[in-house]
Amino acid sequence: MKQLWTFGLEEAKSCFFAVIIFSTLAITQIMETLFIPRYDFILLICLLTQAFMMITKMETWDEVKVIGVFHVIGLALEIYKVHMGSWSYPEESWSKVFGVPLYSGFMYASVASYLCQAWRRLDVEIVHWPKTWAVFLLSAAIYFNFFTHHYIYDFRWLLKIATILLFFRTIVYFKVNAITYKMPVVLAFVLIGFFIWIAENIATFFGAWQYPNQSETWHIVHFSKISSWLLLVIVSFLIVAMLKHIKGKRE
């Protein structure tokens, strides 16, 4: 129980940025923001949170750069998906770009923030890591499939099979109170994807965005979305792991 408590505490600390975002969503759903649209207020809180985490050393400069990359990647995906009608941001905002508020990029950045923080706090190590070029190709294929499946065949199941084959031997080692545990990296993908799906239900409940079937009343997000988040987690994890792997080789 002591180990589980410590593990849960470190995980909670790693989710600091995500917790701030969801708390802001909940509060602004109940209370109106004065003099500033809701989406812009959330963006302001995200920027202040990032500044706070840098000043207090909760995040390193390298981690901030990774989070910035994810913000751009996520914003590009959001703009495309909103344009295709996959979901929408119905409220008014000064900071909207092509119908997407800039705070939405921080939702993806919060996933990267969690991965970076958990990696450092749990002293994560990976063994049997595949070739960097193979990881890069898989990450690119998964990301671009989010765009291309609107026009051609959806390769998500093939990409999942490719992920299992590529990372079949890959193991994640992490430490809790100096005791080392291990887990297949594929299982880690599934667990993180599932919990992000739970977070997505919370986010849509508080009006972070809307799916077409939630325009009149809130409904639970379809279970099929777990597979989408699973693929996004894989991309996020692979980018973070690849950057850390490259940096480790340089050092």
C-alpha atoms as a PDB file:
ATOM      1  CA  MET A   1       0.000   0.000   0.000  1.00  0.00           C
ATOM      2  CA  LYS A   2       2.919   2.336   0.700  1.00  0.00           C
ATOM      3  CA  GLN A   3       4.330   1.685  -2.770  1.00  0.00           C
ATOM      4  CA  LEU A   4       0.928   2.187  -4.381  1.00  0.00           C
ATOM      5  CA  TRP A   5       0.432   5.454  -2.471  1.00  0.00           C
ATOM      6  CA  THR A   6       3.834   6.771  -3.533  1.00  0.00           C
ATOM      7  CA  PHE A   7       3.228   5.732  -7.140  1.00  0.00           C
ATOM      8  CA  GLY A   8      -0.179   7.444  -7.145  1.00  0.00           C
ATOM      9  CA  LEU A   9       1.301  10.592  -5.616  1.00  0.00           C
ATOM     10  CA  GLU A  10       4.040  10.816  -8.257  1.00  0.00           C
ATOM     11  CA  GLU A  11       1.462  10.226 -10.988  1.00  0.00           C
ATOM     12  CA  ALA A  12      -0.724  12.999  -9.538  1.00  0.00           C
ATOM     13  CA  LYS A  13       2.230  15.406  -9.496  1.00  0.00           C
ATOM     14  CA  SER A  14       2.943  14.504 -13.120  1.00  0.00           C
ATOM     15  CA  CYS A  15      -0.666  15.419 -14.026  1.00  0.00           C
ATOM     16  CA  PHE A  16      -0.373  18.927 -12.528  1.00  0.00           C
ATOM     17  CA  PHE A  17      -0.783  20.753 -15.842  1.00  0.00           C
ATOM     18  CA  ALA A  18      -3.748  18.600 -16.905  1.00  0.00           C
ATOM     19  CA  VAL A  19      -5.435  19.072 -13.511  1.00  0.00           C
ATOM     20  CA  ILE A  20      -5.135  22.863 -13.845  1.00  0.00           C
ATOM     21  CA  ILE A  21      -6.756  22.735 -17.300  1.00  0.00           C
ATOM     22  CA  PHE A  22      -9.667  20.545 -16.161  1.00  0.00           C
ATOM     23  CA  SER A  23     -10.177  22.599 -12.999  1.00  0.00           C
ATOM     24  CA  THR A  24     -10.343  25.761 -15.106  1.00  0.00           C
ATOM     25  CA  LEU A  25     -12.853  24.112 -17.448  1.00  0.00           C
ATOM     26  CA  ALA A  26     -15.034  23.121 -14.490  1.00  0.00           C
ATOM     27  CA  ILE A  27     -14.900  26.508 -12.763  1.00  0.00           C
ATOM     28  CA  THR A  28     -15.593  28.520 -15.920  1.00  0.00           C
ATOM     29  CA  GLN A  29     -18.525  26.237 -16.750  1.00  0.00           C
ATOM     30  CA  ILE A  30     -20.157  27.181 -13.450  1.00  0.00           C
ATOM     31  CA  MET A  31     -18.978  30.803 -13.136  1.00  0.00           C
ATOM     32  CA  GLU A  32     -18.884  33.380 -15.916  1.00  0.00           C
ATOM     33  CA  THR A  33     -15.560  35.055 -16.683  1.00  0.00           C
ATOM     34  CA  LEU A  34     -15.644  38.855 -16.565  1.00  0.00           C
ATOM     35  CA  PHE A  35     -14.389  41.067 -19.418  1.00  0.00           C
ATOM     36  CA  ILE A  36     -12.905  38.114 -21.327  1.00  0.00           C
ATOM     37  CA  PRO A  37     -14.427  35.171 -23.249  1.00  0.00           C
ATOM     38  CA  ARG A  38     -14.194  31.780 -21.573  1.00  0.00           C
ATOM     39  CA  TYR A  39     -11.820  30.178 -24.103  1.00  0.00           C
ATOM     40  CA  ASP A  40      -9.436  33.133 -23.838  1.00  0.00           C
ATOM     41  CA  PHE A  41      -9.511  32.952 -20.037  1.00  0.00           C
ATOM     42  CA  ILE A  42      -8.553  29.257 -20.231  1.00  0.00           C
ATOM     43  CA  LEU A  43      -5.675  30.174 -22.595  1.00  0.00           C
ATOM     44  CA  LEU A  44      -4.462  32.790 -20.108  1.00  0.00           C
ATOM     45  CA  ILE A  45      -4.515  30.244 -17.265  1.00  0.00           C
ATOM     46  CA  CYS A  46      -2.558  27.757 -19.419  1.00  0.00           C
ATOM     47  CA  LEU A  47       0.132  30.349 -20.169  1.00  0.00           C
ATOM     48  CA  LEU A  48       0.387  31.391 -16.512  1.00  0.00           C
ATOM     49  CA  THR A  49       0.601  27.738 -15.437  1.00  0.00           C
ATOM     50  CA  GLN A  50       3.439  27.086 -17.859  1.00  0.00           C
ATOM     51  CA  ALA A  51       5.287  30.166 -16.589  1.00  0.00           C
ATOM     52  CA  PHE A  52       4.753  29.031 -12.981  1.00  0.00           C
ATOM     53  CA  MET A  53       6.040  25.518 -13.706  1.00  0.00           C
ATOM     54  CA  MET A  54       9.182  26.931 -15.327  1.00  0.00           C
ATOM     55  CA  ILE A  55       9.867  29.436 -12.542  1.00  0.00           C
ATOM     56  CA  THR A  56       9.403  26.821  -9.812  1.00  0.00           C
ATOM     57  CA  LYS A  57      11.525  24.256 -11.737  1.00  0.00           C
ATOM     58  CA  MET A  58       8.611  21.832 -12.003  1.00  0.00           C
ATOM     59  CA  GLU A  59       9.532  21.611 -15.674  1.00  0.00           C
ATOM     60  CA  THR A  60      12.935  21.822 -17.280  1.00  0.00           C
ATOM     61  CA  TRP A  61      13.644  23.918 -20.355  1.00  0.00           C
ATOM     62  CA  ASP A  62      13.962  20.733 -22.453  1.00  0.00           C
ATOM     63  CA  GLU A  63      10.507  19.641 -21.304  1.00  0.00           C
ATOM     64  CA  VAL A  64       9.027  23.033 -22.180  1.00  0.00           C
ATOM     65  CA  LYS A  65      10.428  22.706 -25.714  1.00  0.00           C
ATOM     66  CA  VAL A  66       8.839  19.254 -26.074  1.00  0.00           C
ATOM     67  CA  ILE A  67       5.513  20.647 -24.818  1.00  0.00           C
ATOM     68  CA  GLY A  68       5.766  23.480 -27.359  1.00  0.00           C
ATOM     69  CA  VAL A  69       6.179  20.946 -30.167  1.00  0.00           C
ATOM     70  CA  PHE A  70       3.077  19.106 -29.001  1.00  0.00           C
ATOM     71  CA  HIS A  71       1.101  22.345 -28.861  1.00  0.00           C
ATOM     72  CA  VAL A  72       1.838  22.971 -32.546  1.00  0.00           C
ATOM     73  CA  ILE A  73       1.123  19.340 -33.529  1.00  0.00           C
ATOM     74  CA  GLY A  74      -2.137  19.323 -31.574  1.00  0.00           C
ATOM     75  CA  LEU A  75      -3.311  22.693 -32.897  1.00  0.00           C
ATOM     76  CA  ALA A  76      -2.732  21.591 -36.496  1.00  0.00           C
ATOM     77  CA  LEU A  77      -4.782  18.442 -35.878  1.00  0.00           C
ATOM     78  CA  GLU A  78      -7.543  20.441 -34.168  1.00  0.00           C
ATOM     79  CA  ILE A  79      -7.859  22.903 -37.061  1.00  0.00           C
ATOM     80  CA  TYR A  80      -8.174  20.044 -39.537  1.00  0.00           C
ATOM     81  CA  LYS A  81     -10.669  18.040 -37.456  1.00  0.00           C
ATOM     82  CA  VAL A  82     -12.897  21.058 -36.794  1.00  0.00           C
ATOM     83  CA  HIS A  83     -12.830  21.859 -40.516  1.00  0.00           C
ATOM     84  CA  MET A  84     -13.936  18.263 -41.248  1.00  0.00           C
ATOM     85  CA  GLY A  85     -16.788  18.516 -38.724  1.00  0.00           C
ATOM     86  CA  SER A  86     -15.432  15.903 -36.298  1.00  0.00           C
ATOM     87  CA  TRP A  87     -16.095  18.255 -33.348  1.00  0.00           C
ATOM     88  CA  SER A  88     -16.541  21.972 -32.706  1.00  0.00           C
ATOM     89  CA  TYR A  89     -15.850  24.849 -30.323  1.00  0.00           C
ATOM     90  CA  PRO A  90     -19.204  26.649 -30.238  1.00  0.00           C
ATOM     91  CA  GLU A  91     -18.340  29.541 -27.909  1.00  0.00           C
ATOM     92  CA  GLU A  92     -17.011  32.933 -28.991  1.00  0.00           C
ATOM     93  CA  SER A  93     -13.307  33.667 -28.544  1.00  0.00           C
ATOM     94  CA  TRP A  94     -10.739  36.328 -29.467  1.00  0.00           C
ATOM     95  CA  SER A  95      -7.996  33.713 -29.784  1.00  0.00           C
ATOM     96  CA  LYS A  96      -9.659  31.423 -32.313  1.00  0.00           C
ATOM     97  CA  VAL A  97      -7.653  30.379 -35.382  1.00  0.00           C
ATOM     98  CA  PHE A  98      -9.792  28.862 -38.148  1.00  0.00           C
ATOM     99  CA  GLY A  99     -12.506  28.122 -35.599  1.00  0.00           C
ATOM    100  CA  VAL A 100     -10.142  26.588 -33.022  1.00  0.00           C
ATOM    101  CA  PRO A 101      -9.218  28.394 -29.758  1.00  0.00           C
ATOM    102  CA  LEU A 102      -5.503  28.427 -29.060  1.00  0.00           C
ATOM    103  CA  TYR A 103      -5.966  26.828 -25.658  1.00  0.00           C
ATOM    104  CA  SER A 104      -6.849  23.535 -27.387  1.00  0.00           C
ATOM    105  CA  GLY A 105      -3.187  22.961 -28.239  1.00  0.00           C
ATOM    106  CA  PHE A 106      -2.442  22.872 -24.517  1.00  0.00           C
ATOM    107  CA  MET A 107      -4.705  19.822 -24.173  1.00  0.00           C
ATOM    108  CA  TYR A 108      -2.190  17.879 -26.247  1.00  0.00           C
ATOM    109  CA  ALA A 109       0.673  19.648 -24.492  1.00  0.00           C
ATOM    110  CA  SER A 110      -0.696  18.422 -21.149  1.00  0.00           C
ATOM    111  CA  VAL A 111      -0.228  14.828 -22.364  1.00  0.00           C
ATOM    112  CA  ALA A 112       3.393  15.621 -23.212  1.00  0.00           C
ATOM    113  CA  SER A 113       3.805  17.364 -19.850  1.00  0.00           C
ATOM    114  CA  TYR A 114       2.537  14.254 -18.056  1.00  0.00           C
ATOM    115  CA  LEU A 115       4.883  11.957 -20.001  1.00  0.00           C
ATOM    116  CA  CYS A 116       7.927  14.158 -19.378  1.00  0.00           C
ATOM    117  CA  GLN A 117       7.179  14.581 -15.682  1.00  0.00           C
ATOM    118  CA  ALA A 118       6.370  10.921 -15.059  1.00  0.00           C
ATOM    119  CA  TRP A 119       9.494   9.915 -16.976  1.00  0.00           C
ATOM    120  CA  ARG A 120      11.665  12.017 -14.672  1.00  0.00           C
ATOM    121  CA  ARG A 121       9.847  11.374 -11.380  1.00  0.00           C
ATOM    122  CA  LEU A 122       9.717   7.579 -11.835  1.00  0.00           C
ATOM    123  CA  ASP A 123      13.217   7.365 -13.320  1.00  0.00           C
ATOM    124  CA  VAL A 124      11.923   5.573 -16.413  1.00  0.00           C
ATOM    125  CA  GLU A 125      14.263   3.428 -18.498  1.00  0.00           C
ATOM    126  CA  ILE A 126      13.428   1.487 -21.660  1.00  0.00           C
ATOM    127  CA  VAL A 127      15.140  -1.658 -22.880  1.00  0.00           C
ATOM    128  CA  HIS A 128      14.964  -3.243 -26.344  1.00  0.00           C
ATOM    129  CA  TRP A 129      14.086   0.101 -27.933  1.00  0.00           C
ATOM    130  CA  PRO A 130      13.565  -0.341 -31.723  1.00  0.00           C
ATOM    131  CA  LYS A 131      15.569   1.458 -34.379  1.00  0.00           C
ATOM    132  CA  THR A 132      15.013   5.224 -34.359  1.00  0.00           C
ATOM    133  CA  TRP A 133      14.060   5.307 -38.059  1.00  0.00           C
ATOM    134  CA  ALA A 134      11.369   2.667 -37.500  1.00  0.00           C
ATOM    135  CA  VAL A 135       9.949   4.608 -34.553  1.00  0.00           C
ATOM    136  CA  PHE A 136       9.934   7.807 -36.624  1.00  0.00           C
ATOM    137  CA  LEU A 137       8.111   6.149 -39.542  1.00  0.00           C
ATOM    138  CA  LEU A 138       5.487   4.616 -37.249  1.00  0.00           C
ATOM    139  CA  SER A 139       4.899   7.937 -35.463  1.00  0.00           C
ATOM    140  CA  ALA A 140       4.522   9.776 -38.777  1.00  0.00           C
ATOM    141  CA  ALA A 141       2.148   7.113 -40.153  1.00  0.00           C
ATOM    142  CA  ILE A 142      -0.087   7.256 -37.064  1.00  0.00           C
ATOM    143  CA  TYR A 143      -0.206  11.070 -37.061  1.00  0.00           C
ATOM    144  CA  PHE A 144      -0.980  11.439 -40.762  1.00  0.00           C
ATOM    145  CA  ASN A 145      -3.635   8.709 -40.567  1.00  0.00           C
ATOM    146  CA  PHE A 146      -5.663  11.135 -38.430  1.00  0.00           C
ATOM    147  CA  PHE A 147      -5.783  13.361 -41.535  1.00  0.00           C
ATOM    148  CA  THR A 148      -5.990  10.868 -44.389  1.00  0.00           C
ATOM    149  CA  HIS A 149      -8.684   8.523 -43.043  1.00  0.00           C
ATOM    150  CA  HIS A 150     -11.310  11.069 -44.125  1.00  0.00           C
ATOM    151  CA  TYR A 151     -10.403  10.381 -47.765  1.00  0.00           C
ATOM    152  CA  ILE A 152      -8.827   6.926 -47.920  1.00  0.00           C
ATOM    153  CA  TYR A 153      -8.841   3.716 -45.910  1.00  0.00           C
ATOM    154  CA  ASP A 154      -8.466   4.073 -42.128  1.00  0.00           C
ATOM    155  CA  PHE A 155      -5.263   2.196 -41.265  1.00  0.00           C
ATOM    156  CA  ARG A 156      -5.615   2.456 -37.471  1.00  0.00           C
ATOM    157  CA  TRP A 157      -5.911  -1.301 -36.899  1.00  0.00           C
ATOM    158  CA  LEU A 158      -2.933  -2.022 -39.128  1.00  0.00           C
ATOM    159  CA  LEU A 159      -0.996   0.650 -37.248  1.00  0.00           C
ATOM    160  CA  LYS A 160      -1.903  -0.961 -33.933  1.00  0.00           C
ATOM    161  CA  ILE A 161      -0.672  -4.328 -35.177  1.00  0.00           C
ATOM    162  CA  ALA A 162       2.520  -2.664 -36.420  1.00  0.00           C
ATOM    163  CA  THR A 163       2.973  -1.080 -32.963  1.00  0.00           C
ATOM    164  CA  ILE A 164       2.623  -4.452 -31.219  1.00  0.00           C
ATOM    165  CA  LEU A 165       5.103  -6.086 -33.598  1.00  0.00           C
ATOM    166  CA  LEU A 166       7.608  -3.246 -33.323  1.00  0.00           C
ATOM    167  CA  PHE A 167       7.456  -2.982 -29.524  1.00  0.00           C
ATOM    168  CA  PHE A 168       6.778  -6.604 -28.661  1.00  0.00           C
ATOM    169  CA  ARG A 169      10.096  -6.923 -26.774  1.00  0.00           C
ATOM    170  CA  THR A 170      10.215  -3.365 -25.401  1.00  0.00           C
ATOM    171  CA  ILE A 171       9.964  -3.096 -21.609  1.00  0.00           C
ATOM    172  CA  VAL A 172       9.534   0.015 -19.444  1.00  0.00           C
ATOM    173  CA  TYR A 173      11.355   0.020 -16.099  1.00  0.00           C
ATOM    174  CA  PHE A 174      10.334   2.538 -13.429  1.00  0.00           C
ATOM    175  CA  LYS A 175      11.222   3.094  -9.781  1.00  0.00           C
ATOM    176  CA  VAL A 176       9.024   3.668  -6.739  1.00  0.00           C
ATOM    177  CA  ASN A 177      10.899   4.261  -3.472  1.00  0.00           C
ATOM    178  CA  ALA A 178      14.069   2.818  -5.045  1.00  0.00           C
ATOM    179  CA  ILE A 179      12.277  -0.418  -5.957  1.00  0.00           C
ATOM    180  CA  THR A 180      12.266  -1.174  -9.683  1.00  0.00           C
ATOM    181  CA  TYR A 181       9.180  -2.424 -11.505  1.00  0.00           C
ATOM    182  CA  LYS A 182       8.678  -3.303 -15.146  1.00  0.00           C
ATOM    183  CA  MET A 183       5.830  -3.225 -17.633  1.00  0.00           C
ATOM    184  CA  PRO A 184       5.472  -4.001 -21.361  1.00  0.00           C
ATOM    185  CA  VAL A 185       5.413  -0.675 -23.169  1.00  0.00           C
ATOM    186  CA  VAL A 186       2.318  -1.740 -25.173  1.00  0.00           C
ATOM    187  CA  LEU A 187       0.385  -2.155 -21.907  1.00  0.00           C
ATOM    188  CA  ALA A 188       1.520   1.329 -20.865  1.00  0.00           C
ATOM    189  CA  PHE A 189       0.073   2.698 -24.139  1.00  0.00           C
ATOM    190  CA  VAL A 190      -3.302   1.061 -23.448  1.00  0.00           C
ATOM    191  CA  LEU A 191      -3.520   2.270 -19.838  1.00  0.00           C
ATOM    192  CA  ILE A 192      -2.620   5.879 -20.653  1.00  0.00           C
ATOM    193  CA  GLY A 193      -5.038   5.905 -23.606  1.00  0.00           C
ATOM    194  CA  PHE A 194      -7.874   4.612 -21.394  1.00  0.00           C
ATOM    195  CA  PHE A 195      -7.347   7.268 -18.742  1.00  0.00           C
ATOM    196  CA  ILE A 196      -7.182  10.008 -21.381  1.00  0.00           C
ATOM    197  CA  TRP A 197     -10.563   8.761 -22.675  1.00  0.00           C
ATOM    198  CA  ILE A 198     -11.930   9.213 -19.142  1.00  0.00           C
ATOM    199  CA  ALA A 199     -10.438  12.711 -19.093  1.00  0.00           C
ATOM    200  CA  GLU A 200     -12.061  13.405 -22.477  1.00  0.00           C
ATOM    201  CA  ASN A 201     -15.475  12.599 -21.022  1.00  0.00           C
ATOM    202  CA  ILE A 202     -14.819  15.060 -18.208  1.00  0.00           C
ATOM    203  CA  ALA A 203     -13.614  17.695 -20.684  1.00  0.00           C
ATOM    204  CA  THR A 204     -16.645  17.408 -22.973  1.00  0.00           C
ATOM    205  CA  PHE A 205     -18.968  17.438 -19.950  1.00  0.00           C
ATOM    206  CA  PHE A 206     -17.518  20.812 -18.976  1.00  0.00           C
ATOM    207  CA  GLY A 207     -17.765  22.125 -22.541  1.00  0.00           C
ATOM    208  CA  ALA A 208     -14.118  22.021 -23.609  1.00  0.00           C
ATOM    209  CA  TRP A 209     -15.398  20.982 -27.053  1.00  0.00           C
ATOM    210  CA  GLN A 210     -18.434  19.210 -28.495  1.00  0.00           C
ATOM    211  CA  TYR A 211     -18.932  16.165 -30.669  1.00  0.00           C
ATOM    212  CA  PRO A 212     -21.895  16.336 -33.072  1.00  0.00           C
ATOM    213  CA  ASN A 213     -24.041  14.076 -30.838  1.00  0.00           C
ATOM    214  CA  GLN A 214     -23.372  16.365 -27.834  1.00  0.00           C
ATOM    215  CA  SER A 215     -24.725  19.576 -29.384  1.00  0.00           C
ATOM    216  CA  GLU A 216     -28.067  19.418 -27.525  1.00  0.00           C
ATOM    217  CA  THR A 217     -27.231  17.330 -24.468  1.00  0.00           C
ATOM    218  CA  TRP A 218     -24.078  15.656 -23.165  1.00  0.00           C
ATOM    219  CA  HIS A 219     -23.508  11.976 -23.929  1.00  0.00           C
ATOM    220  CA  ILE A 220     -20.628   9.740 -22.946  1.00  0.00           C
ATOM    221  CA  VAL A 221     -17.890   9.718 -25.572  1.00  0.00           C
ATOM    222  CA  HIS A 222     -18.089   6.569 -27.687  1.00  0.00           C
ATOM    223  CA  PHE A 223     -15.774   3.737 -26.652  1.00  0.00           C
ATOM    224  CA  SER A 224     -14.272   3.729 -30.142  1.00  0.00           C
ATOM    225  CA  LYS A 225     -12.515   6.981 -29.228  1.00  0.00           C
ATOM    226  CA  ILE A 226     -10.257   4.976 -26.907  1.00  0.00           C
ATOM    227  CA  SER A 227      -8.529   3.613 -30.009  1.00  0.00           C
ATOM    228  CA  SER A 228      -7.959   7.168 -31.292  1.00  0.00           C
ATOM    229  CA  TRP A 229      -6.463   8.256 -27.987  1.00  0.00           C
ATOM    230  CA  LEU A 230      -4.398   5.082 -27.894  1.00  0.00           C
ATOM    231  CA  LEU A 231      -2.813   6.044 -31.211  1.00  0.00           C
ATOM    232  CA  LEU A 232      -2.267   9.614 -30.021  1.00  0.00           C
ATOM    233  CA  VAL A 233      -0.611   8.322 -26.836  1.00  0.00           C
ATOM    234  CA  ILE A 234       1.653   6.130 -28.952  1.00  0.00           C
ATOM    235  CA  VAL A 235       2.719   9.146 -31.043  1.00  0.00           C
ATOM    236  CA  SER A 236       3.247  11.250 -27.895  1.00  0.00           C
ATOM    237  CA  PHE A 237       5.222   8.541 -26.117  1.00  0.00           C
ATOM    238  CA  LEU A 238       7.345   7.783 -29.158  1.00  0.00           C
ATOM    239  CA  ILE A 239       8.246  11.438 -29.729  1.00  0.00           C
ATOM    240  CA  VAL A 240       9.208  11.954 -26.075  1.00  0.00           C
ATOM    241  CA  ALA A 241      11.111   8.653 -25.947  1.00  0.00           C
ATOM    242  CA  MET A 242      12.870   9.333 -29.246  1.00  0.00           C
ATOM    243  CA  LEU A 243      14.004  12.796 -28.118  1.00  0.00           C
ATOM    244  CA  LYS A 244      15.264  11.401 -24.807  1.00  0.00           C
ATOM    245  CA  HIS A 245      16.981   8.531 -26.613  1.00  0.00           C
ATOM    246  CA  ILE A 246      18.752  10.911 -28.995  1.00  0.00           C
ATOM    247  CA  LYS A 247      19.751  13.226 -26.150  1.00  0.00           C
ATOM    248  CA  GLY A 248      21.058  10.270 -24.129  1.00  0.00           C
ATOM    249  CA  LYS A 249      23.251   9.118 -27.023  1.00  0.00           C
ATOM    250  CA  ARG A 250      24.683  12.631 -27.413  1.00  0.00           C
ATOM    251  CA  GLU A 251      25.486  12.820 -23.701  1.00  0.00           C
END
